[in-house]
Amino acid sequence: MADTALTARQRSPLAHAADRLAAATRTSGGAVRLAELPFLTQVNVRLDAKSPAADAVGLALGLQLPLEPNTVVRAGDLTAVWLGPDEWLLVAPPGTQRELEGRIRAAAGDEPVSVTDVSAQRTTLLVAGPRARDLLSHGCALDLHPRAFGPGRCAQTTLARTQVVLVARDEFRAGFWVLVRSSFAGYLTDWLLDAAVEYG
């Protein structure tokens, strides 16, 4: 169950930019949609991918942790993002971190596992719409063509010289998640807003 009382007291790193993000979405005529997805639960998990704990954690979460580099697995509201051979980032609805941590620790039992709530470390920007790939390509060196970086792909990369975790979701409705450290969120938002001007 989400801790809605805690979320109500928090202030997102981009609360001040909500109106500007909405205005950019309006002026682009739907070509680009920009929004913050604040307070998403983000839990970092490290364990041996070949251990019994990996299978047990997957069963407890209702999804198998992705083993292929730079891939994402989704089940309902839970997304598992591959960060390394023994590291994943679980992204879930706001306020679910304690419940998620508990499920992982219980499933792992006595097996070695590291579970760290990193929700306050980053915020998430949504970049969607038919020109989302073009917008991101202005500041990202990755090949973002759908054949190379389609839905279900992820990468730790830089966008406008800012370290981010980029997650490709479905093409137009969900677009891309850009997970950025809270301290760089304002700068990256300003960059995205400036780069989106050409679509307005």
C-alpha atoms as a PDB file:
ATOM      1  CA  MET A   1       0.000   0.000   0.000  1.00  0.00           C
ATOM      2  CA  ALA A   2       1.369   3.421  -0.949  1.00  0.00           C
ATOM      3  CA  ASP A   3       2.327   5.872   1.765  1.00  0.00           C
ATOM      4  CA  THR A   4       0.185   8.731   0.451  1.00  0.00           C
ATOM      5  CA  ALA A   5       0.674  10.867   3.562  1.00  0.00           C
ATOM      6  CA  LEU A   6       4.420  10.986   2.940  1.00  0.00           C
ATOM      7  CA  THR A   7       3.955  11.769  -0.757  1.00  0.00           C
ATOM      8  CA  ALA A   8       1.576  14.619   0.089  1.00  0.00           C
ATOM      9  CA  ARG A   9       4.293  16.328   2.181  1.00  0.00           C
ATOM     10  CA  GLN A  10       7.023  15.938  -0.417  1.00  0.00           C
ATOM     11  CA  ARG A  11       7.848  18.492  -3.081  1.00  0.00           C
ATOM     12  CA  SER A  12       9.113  17.153  -6.362  1.00  0.00           C
ATOM     13  CA  PRO A  13      12.354  18.526  -7.828  1.00  0.00           C
ATOM     14  CA  LEU A  14      10.417  19.833 -10.826  1.00  0.00           C
ATOM     15  CA  ALA A  15       7.257  21.159  -9.171  1.00  0.00           C
ATOM     16  CA  HIS A  16       8.306  24.648 -10.266  1.00  0.00           C
ATOM     17  CA  ALA A  17       8.485  23.547 -13.926  1.00  0.00           C
ATOM     18  CA  ALA A  18       5.115  21.783 -14.252  1.00  0.00           C
ATOM     19  CA  ASP A  19       3.438  24.723 -16.011  1.00  0.00           C
ATOM     20  CA  ARG A  20       6.313  25.153 -18.469  1.00  0.00           C
ATOM     21  CA  LEU A  21       6.322  21.426 -19.289  1.00  0.00           C
ATOM     22  CA  ALA A  22       2.560  21.510 -19.891  1.00  0.00           C
ATOM     23  CA  ALA A  23       2.900  24.630 -22.060  1.00  0.00           C
ATOM     24  CA  ALA A  24       5.608  23.006 -24.196  1.00  0.00           C
ATOM     25  CA  THR A  25       3.331  20.022 -24.710  1.00  0.00           C
ATOM     26  CA  ARG A  26       0.470  22.313 -25.798  1.00  0.00           C
ATOM     27  CA  THR A  27       2.540  24.461 -28.143  1.00  0.00           C
ATOM     28  CA  SER A  28       4.077  21.432 -29.870  1.00  0.00           C
ATOM     29  CA  GLY A  29       0.613  20.426 -31.070  1.00  0.00           C
ATOM     30  CA  GLY A  30       1.140  16.923 -29.728  1.00  0.00           C
ATOM     31  CA  ALA A  31       4.510  16.410 -31.440  1.00  0.00           C
ATOM     32  CA  VAL A  32       6.210  16.198 -28.048  1.00  0.00           C
ATOM     33  CA  ARG A  33       4.759  15.542 -24.614  1.00  0.00           C
ATOM     34  CA  LEU A  34       6.851  16.488 -21.582  1.00  0.00           C
ATOM     35  CA  ALA A  35       5.955  15.830 -17.954  1.00  0.00           C
ATOM     36  CA  GLU A  36       7.495  14.888 -14.662  1.00  0.00           C
ATOM     37  CA  LEU A  37       6.477  11.574 -13.113  1.00  0.00           C
ATOM     38  CA  PRO A  38       7.330  12.487  -9.522  1.00  0.00           C
ATOM     39  CA  PHE A  39       8.003  10.213  -6.565  1.00  0.00           C
ATOM     40  CA  LEU A  40       8.186   6.907  -8.441  1.00  0.00           C
ATOM     41  CA  THR A  41       9.548   4.185  -6.187  1.00  0.00           C
ATOM     42  CA  GLN A  42      13.062   3.233  -7.261  1.00  0.00           C
ATOM     43  CA  VAL A  43      14.756   0.302  -5.558  1.00  0.00           C
ATOM     44  CA  ASN A  44      18.252  -0.840  -6.497  1.00  0.00           C
ATOM     45  CA  VAL A  45      18.786  -4.617  -6.242  1.00  0.00           C
ATOM     46  CA  ARG A  46      22.100  -6.453  -6.424  1.00  0.00           C
ATOM     47  CA  LEU A  47      22.403 -10.231  -6.337  1.00  0.00           C
ATOM     48  CA  ASP A  48      23.957 -13.123  -8.218  1.00  0.00           C
ATOM     49  CA  ALA A  49      21.805 -13.611 -11.319  1.00  0.00           C
ATOM     50  CA  LYS A  50      22.575 -17.354 -11.269  1.00  0.00           C
ATOM     51  CA  SER A  51      21.683 -17.859  -7.615  1.00  0.00           C
ATOM     52  CA  PRO A  52      18.464 -19.396  -6.267  1.00  0.00           C
ATOM     53  CA  ALA A  53      17.714 -15.933  -4.843  1.00  0.00           C
ATOM     54  CA  ALA A  54      17.320 -14.492  -8.357  1.00  0.00           C
ATOM     55  CA  ASP A  55      14.582 -16.998  -9.208  1.00  0.00           C
ATOM     56  CA  ALA A  56      12.919 -16.569  -5.810  1.00  0.00           C
ATOM     57  CA  VAL A  57      12.941 -12.762  -6.106  1.00  0.00           C
ATOM     58  CA  GLY A  58      11.519 -13.005  -9.627  1.00  0.00           C
ATOM     59  CA  LEU A  59       8.664 -15.198  -8.382  1.00  0.00           C
ATOM     60  CA  ALA A  60       7.970 -12.829  -5.482  1.00  0.00           C
ATOM     61  CA  LEU A  61       7.862  -9.834  -7.826  1.00  0.00           C
ATOM     62  CA  GLY A  62       5.806 -11.551 -10.514  1.00  0.00           C
ATOM     63  CA  LEU A  63       8.456 -10.912 -13.166  1.00  0.00           C
ATOM     64  CA  GLN A  64      11.797 -12.382 -14.120  1.00  0.00           C
ATOM     65  CA  LEU A  65      14.732 -10.017 -13.630  1.00  0.00           C
ATOM     66  CA  PRO A  66      16.070  -9.185 -17.110  1.00  0.00           C
ATOM     67  CA  LEU A  67      19.345 -10.967 -17.878  1.00  0.00           C
ATOM     68  CA  GLU A  68      19.997  -9.503 -21.327  1.00  0.00           C
ATOM     69  CA  PRO A  69      22.034  -6.277 -21.133  1.00  0.00           C
ATOM     70  CA  ASN A  70      20.117  -3.021 -21.545  1.00  0.00           C
ATOM     71  CA  THR A  71      16.661  -4.568 -21.424  1.00  0.00           C
ATOM     72  CA  VAL A  72      13.557  -3.936 -19.372  1.00  0.00           C
ATOM     73  CA  VAL A  73      10.878  -6.316 -18.111  1.00  0.00           C
ATOM     74  CA  ARG A  74       7.443  -5.054 -17.074  1.00  0.00           C
ATOM     75  CA  ALA A  75       4.612  -6.684 -15.164  1.00  0.00           C
ATOM     76  CA  GLY A  76       1.666  -4.523 -14.213  1.00  0.00           C
ATOM     77  CA  ASP A  77       2.947  -1.396 -12.433  1.00  0.00           C
ATOM     78  CA  LEU A  78       6.412  -2.841 -11.821  1.00  0.00           C
ATOM     79  CA  THR A  79       9.362  -2.302 -14.172  1.00  0.00           C
ATOM     80  CA  ALA A  80      12.746  -4.017 -13.793  1.00  0.00           C
ATOM     81  CA  VAL A  81      15.606  -2.180 -15.526  1.00  0.00           C
ATOM     82  CA  TRP A  82      18.903  -4.007 -16.214  1.00  0.00           C
ATOM     83  CA  LEU A  83      21.853  -1.942 -14.937  1.00  0.00           C
ATOM     84  CA  GLY A  84      24.559  -4.618 -14.896  1.00  0.00           C
ATOM     85  CA  PRO A  85      25.120  -8.380 -14.717  1.00  0.00           C
ATOM     86  CA  ASP A  86      24.180  -8.390 -11.032  1.00  0.00           C
ATOM     87  CA  GLU A  87      22.276  -5.100 -10.689  1.00  0.00           C
ATOM     88  CA  TRP A  88      18.722  -3.959 -11.440  1.00  0.00           C
ATOM     89  CA  LEU A  89      16.590  -0.917 -10.787  1.00  0.00           C
ATOM     90  CA  LEU A  90      12.978  -1.655  -9.877  1.00  0.00           C
ATOM     91  CA  VAL A  91      10.554   1.165 -10.652  1.00  0.00           C
ATOM     92  CA  ALA A  92       7.083   1.080  -9.124  1.00  0.00           C
ATOM     93  CA  PRO A  93       4.260   3.439  -8.101  1.00  0.00           C
ATOM     94  CA  PRO A  94       5.000   6.075  -5.458  1.00  0.00           C
ATOM     95  CA  GLY A  95       5.137   4.988  -1.834  1.00  0.00           C
ATOM     96  CA  THR A  96       5.631   1.257  -2.450  1.00  0.00           C
ATOM     97  CA  GLN A  97       9.323   1.033  -1.588  1.00  0.00           C
ATOM     98  CA  ARG A  98       8.949  -0.562   1.860  1.00  0.00           C
ATOM     99  CA  GLU A  99       6.585  -3.236   0.600  1.00  0.00           C
ATOM    100  CA  LEU A 100       8.843  -3.925  -2.388  1.00  0.00           C
ATOM    101  CA  GLU A 101      11.974  -4.117  -0.226  1.00  0.00           C
ATOM    102  CA  GLY A 102      10.199  -6.497   2.157  1.00  0.00           C
ATOM    103  CA  ARG A 103       9.143  -8.835  -0.646  1.00  0.00           C
ATOM    104  CA  ILE A 104      12.668  -8.963  -2.048  1.00  0.00           C
ATOM    105  CA  ARG A 105      14.354  -9.593   1.308  1.00  0.00           C
ATOM    106  CA  ALA A 106      11.818 -12.268   2.268  1.00  0.00           C
ATOM    107  CA  ALA A 107      12.229 -14.024  -1.081  1.00  0.00           C
ATOM    108  CA  ALA A 108      16.040 -13.936  -0.932  1.00  0.00           C
ATOM    109  CA  GLY A 109      16.077 -15.470   2.531  1.00  0.00           C
ATOM    110  CA  ASP A 110      19.647 -16.115   3.639  1.00  0.00           C
ATOM    111  CA  GLU A 111      21.099 -15.603   0.156  1.00  0.00           C
ATOM    112  CA  PRO A 112      23.311 -12.506  -0.241  1.00  0.00           C
ATOM    113  CA  VAL A 113      21.301  -9.592  -1.637  1.00  0.00           C
ATOM    114  CA  SER A 114      21.586  -5.814  -1.511  1.00  0.00           C
ATOM    115  CA  VAL A 115      18.318  -3.857  -1.577  1.00  0.00           C
ATOM    116  CA  THR A 116      18.570  -0.059  -1.477  1.00  0.00           C
ATOM    117  CA  ASP A 117      15.777   2.495  -1.731  1.00  0.00           C
ATOM    118  CA  VAL A 118      17.085   5.166  -4.120  1.00  0.00           C
ATOM    119  CA  SER A 119      13.714   6.832  -4.744  1.00  0.00           C
ATOM    120  CA  ALA A 120      14.840  10.223  -3.421  1.00  0.00           C
ATOM    121  CA  GLN A 121      17.969  10.175  -5.568  1.00  0.00           C
ATOM    122  CA  ARG A 122      16.229  10.681  -8.924  1.00  0.00           C
ATOM    123  CA  THR A 123      13.096  11.990 -10.501  1.00  0.00           C
ATOM    124  CA  THR A 124      11.590  10.809 -13.782  1.00  0.00           C
ATOM    125  CA  LEU A 125      10.820  12.856 -16.856  1.00  0.00           C
ATOM    126  CA  LEU A 126       8.412  11.546 -19.474  1.00  0.00           C
ATOM    127  CA  VAL A 127       9.309  12.407 -23.061  1.00  0.00           C
ATOM    128  CA  ALA A 128       6.647  11.127 -25.446  1.00  0.00           C
ATOM    129  CA  GLY A 129       4.964  11.906 -28.752  1.00  0.00           C
ATOM    130  CA  PRO A 130       5.879  11.366 -32.408  1.00  0.00           C
ATOM    131  CA  ARG A 131       8.968  13.628 -32.183  1.00  0.00           C
ATOM    132  CA  ALA A 132      10.245  12.328 -28.825  1.00  0.00           C
ATOM    133  CA  ARG A 133      13.117  10.394 -30.426  1.00  0.00           C
ATOM    134  CA  ASP A 134      14.142  13.436 -32.459  1.00  0.00           C
ATOM    135  CA  LEU A 135      14.131  15.613 -29.354  1.00  0.00           C
ATOM    136  CA  LEU A 136      16.258  13.186 -27.337  1.00  0.00           C
ATOM    137  CA  SER A 137      18.650  12.689 -30.263  1.00  0.00           C
ATOM    138  CA  HIS A 138      19.669  16.355 -30.015  1.00  0.00           C
ATOM    139  CA  GLY A 139      21.527  15.592 -26.794  1.00  0.00           C
ATOM    140  CA  CYS A 140      22.114  11.836 -26.719  1.00  0.00           C
ATOM    141  CA  ALA A 141      24.834   9.980 -28.635  1.00  0.00           C
ATOM    142  CA  LEU A 142      22.925   6.668 -28.637  1.00  0.00           C
ATOM    143  CA  ASP A 143      21.244   5.409 -31.783  1.00  0.00           C
ATOM    144  CA  LEU A 144      17.621   5.905 -30.758  1.00  0.00           C
ATOM    145  CA  HIS A 145      16.109   4.467 -33.955  1.00  0.00           C
ATOM    146  CA  PRO A 146      13.355   1.973 -33.021  1.00  0.00           C
ATOM    147  CA  ARG A 147      15.371  -0.903 -34.534  1.00  0.00           C
ATOM    148  CA  ALA A 148      18.230  -0.175 -32.115  1.00  0.00           C
ATOM    149  CA  PHE A 149      16.398   1.267 -29.111  1.00  0.00           C
ATOM    150  CA  GLY A 150      12.788   0.176 -29.252  1.00  0.00           C
ATOM    151  CA  PRO A 151      10.344  -0.532 -26.431  1.00  0.00           C
ATOM    152  CA  GLY A 152      11.872  -2.725 -23.763  1.00  0.00           C
ATOM    153  CA  ARG A 153      15.361  -1.248 -24.120  1.00  0.00           C
ATOM    154  CA  CYS A 154      17.264   0.826 -21.564  1.00  0.00           C
ATOM    155  CA  ALA A 155      20.679   2.428 -21.175  1.00  0.00           C
ATOM    156  CA  GLN A 156      22.779   4.326 -18.702  1.00  0.00           C
ATOM    157  CA  THR A 157      23.897   7.224 -20.862  1.00  0.00           C
ATOM    158  CA  THR A 158      24.235  10.986 -21.036  1.00  0.00           C
ATOM    159  CA  LEU A 159      21.612  13.409 -22.257  1.00  0.00           C
ATOM    160  CA  ALA A 160      22.748  17.015 -22.639  1.00  0.00           C
ATOM    161  CA  ARG A 161      25.903  16.049 -20.683  1.00  0.00           C
ATOM    162  CA  THR A 162      23.773  14.787 -17.805  1.00  0.00           C
ATOM    163  CA  GLN A 163      23.963  11.183 -16.604  1.00  0.00           C
ATOM    164  CA  VAL A 164      20.579   9.510 -16.963  1.00  0.00           C
ATOM    165  CA  VAL A 165      18.938   6.128 -17.181  1.00  0.00           C
ATOM    166  CA  LEU A 166      16.927   6.127 -20.403  1.00  0.00           C
ATOM    167  CA  VAL A 167      14.052   3.643 -20.731  1.00  0.00           C
ATOM    168  CA  ALA A 168      12.126   3.153 -23.976  1.00  0.00           C
ATOM    169  CA  ARG A 169       8.493   2.385 -23.311  1.00  0.00           C
ATOM    170  CA  ASP A 170       5.804   2.024 -25.965  1.00  0.00           C
ATOM    171  CA  GLU A 171       6.222   4.337 -28.914  1.00  0.00           C
ATOM    172  CA  PHE A 172       3.816   7.267 -28.512  1.00  0.00           C
ATOM    173  CA  ARG A 173       1.661   6.877 -25.405  1.00  0.00           C
ATOM    174  CA  ALA A 174       4.364   6.109 -22.872  1.00  0.00           C
ATOM    175  CA  GLY A 175       7.406   7.288 -24.853  1.00  0.00           C
ATOM    176  CA  PHE A 176      10.612   7.395 -22.830  1.00  0.00           C
ATOM    177  CA  TRP A 177      11.405   7.625 -19.166  1.00  0.00           C
ATOM    178  CA  VAL A 178      14.433   9.786 -18.405  1.00  0.00           C
ATOM    179  CA  LEU A 179      15.563   9.026 -14.860  1.00  0.00           C
ATOM    180  CA  VAL A 180      17.791  11.873 -13.731  1.00  0.00           C
ATOM    181  CA  ARG A 181      19.399  12.801 -10.436  1.00  0.00           C
ATOM    182  CA  SER A 182      17.274  15.355  -8.621  1.00  0.00           C
ATOM    183  CA  SER A 183      20.141  17.844  -8.482  1.00  0.00           C
ATOM    184  CA  PHE A 184      20.391  17.864 -12.304  1.00  0.00           C
ATOM    185  CA  ALA A 185      16.635  17.724 -13.005  1.00  0.00           C
ATOM    186  CA  GLY A 186      16.164  21.487 -13.352  1.00  0.00           C
ATOM    187  CA  TYR A 187      19.057  21.846 -15.784  1.00  0.00           C
ATOM    188  CA  LEU A 188      17.893  18.907 -17.909  1.00  0.00           C
ATOM    189  CA  THR A 189      14.324  20.210 -17.957  1.00  0.00           C
ATOM    190  CA  ASP A 190      15.519  23.610 -19.173  1.00  0.00           C
ATOM    191  CA  TRP A 191      17.516  21.876 -21.892  1.00  0.00           C
ATOM    192  CA  LEU A 192      14.521  19.765 -22.994  1.00  0.00           C
ATOM    193  CA  LEU A 193      12.249  22.814 -23.050  1.00  0.00           C
ATOM    194  CA  ASP A 194      14.758  24.736 -25.154  1.00  0.00           C
ATOM    195  CA  ALA A 195      15.277  21.818 -27.550  1.00  0.00           C
ATOM    196  CA  ALA A 196      11.485  21.355 -27.883  1.00  0.00           C
ATOM    197  CA  VAL A 197      10.964  24.914 -29.147  1.00  0.00           C
ATOM    198  CA  GLU A 198      11.485  23.822 -32.753  1.00  0.00           C
ATOM    199  CA  TYR A 199       8.410  21.582 -32.506  1.00  0.00           C
ATOM    200  CA  GLY A 200       6.153  24.396 -31.297  1.00  0.00           C
END
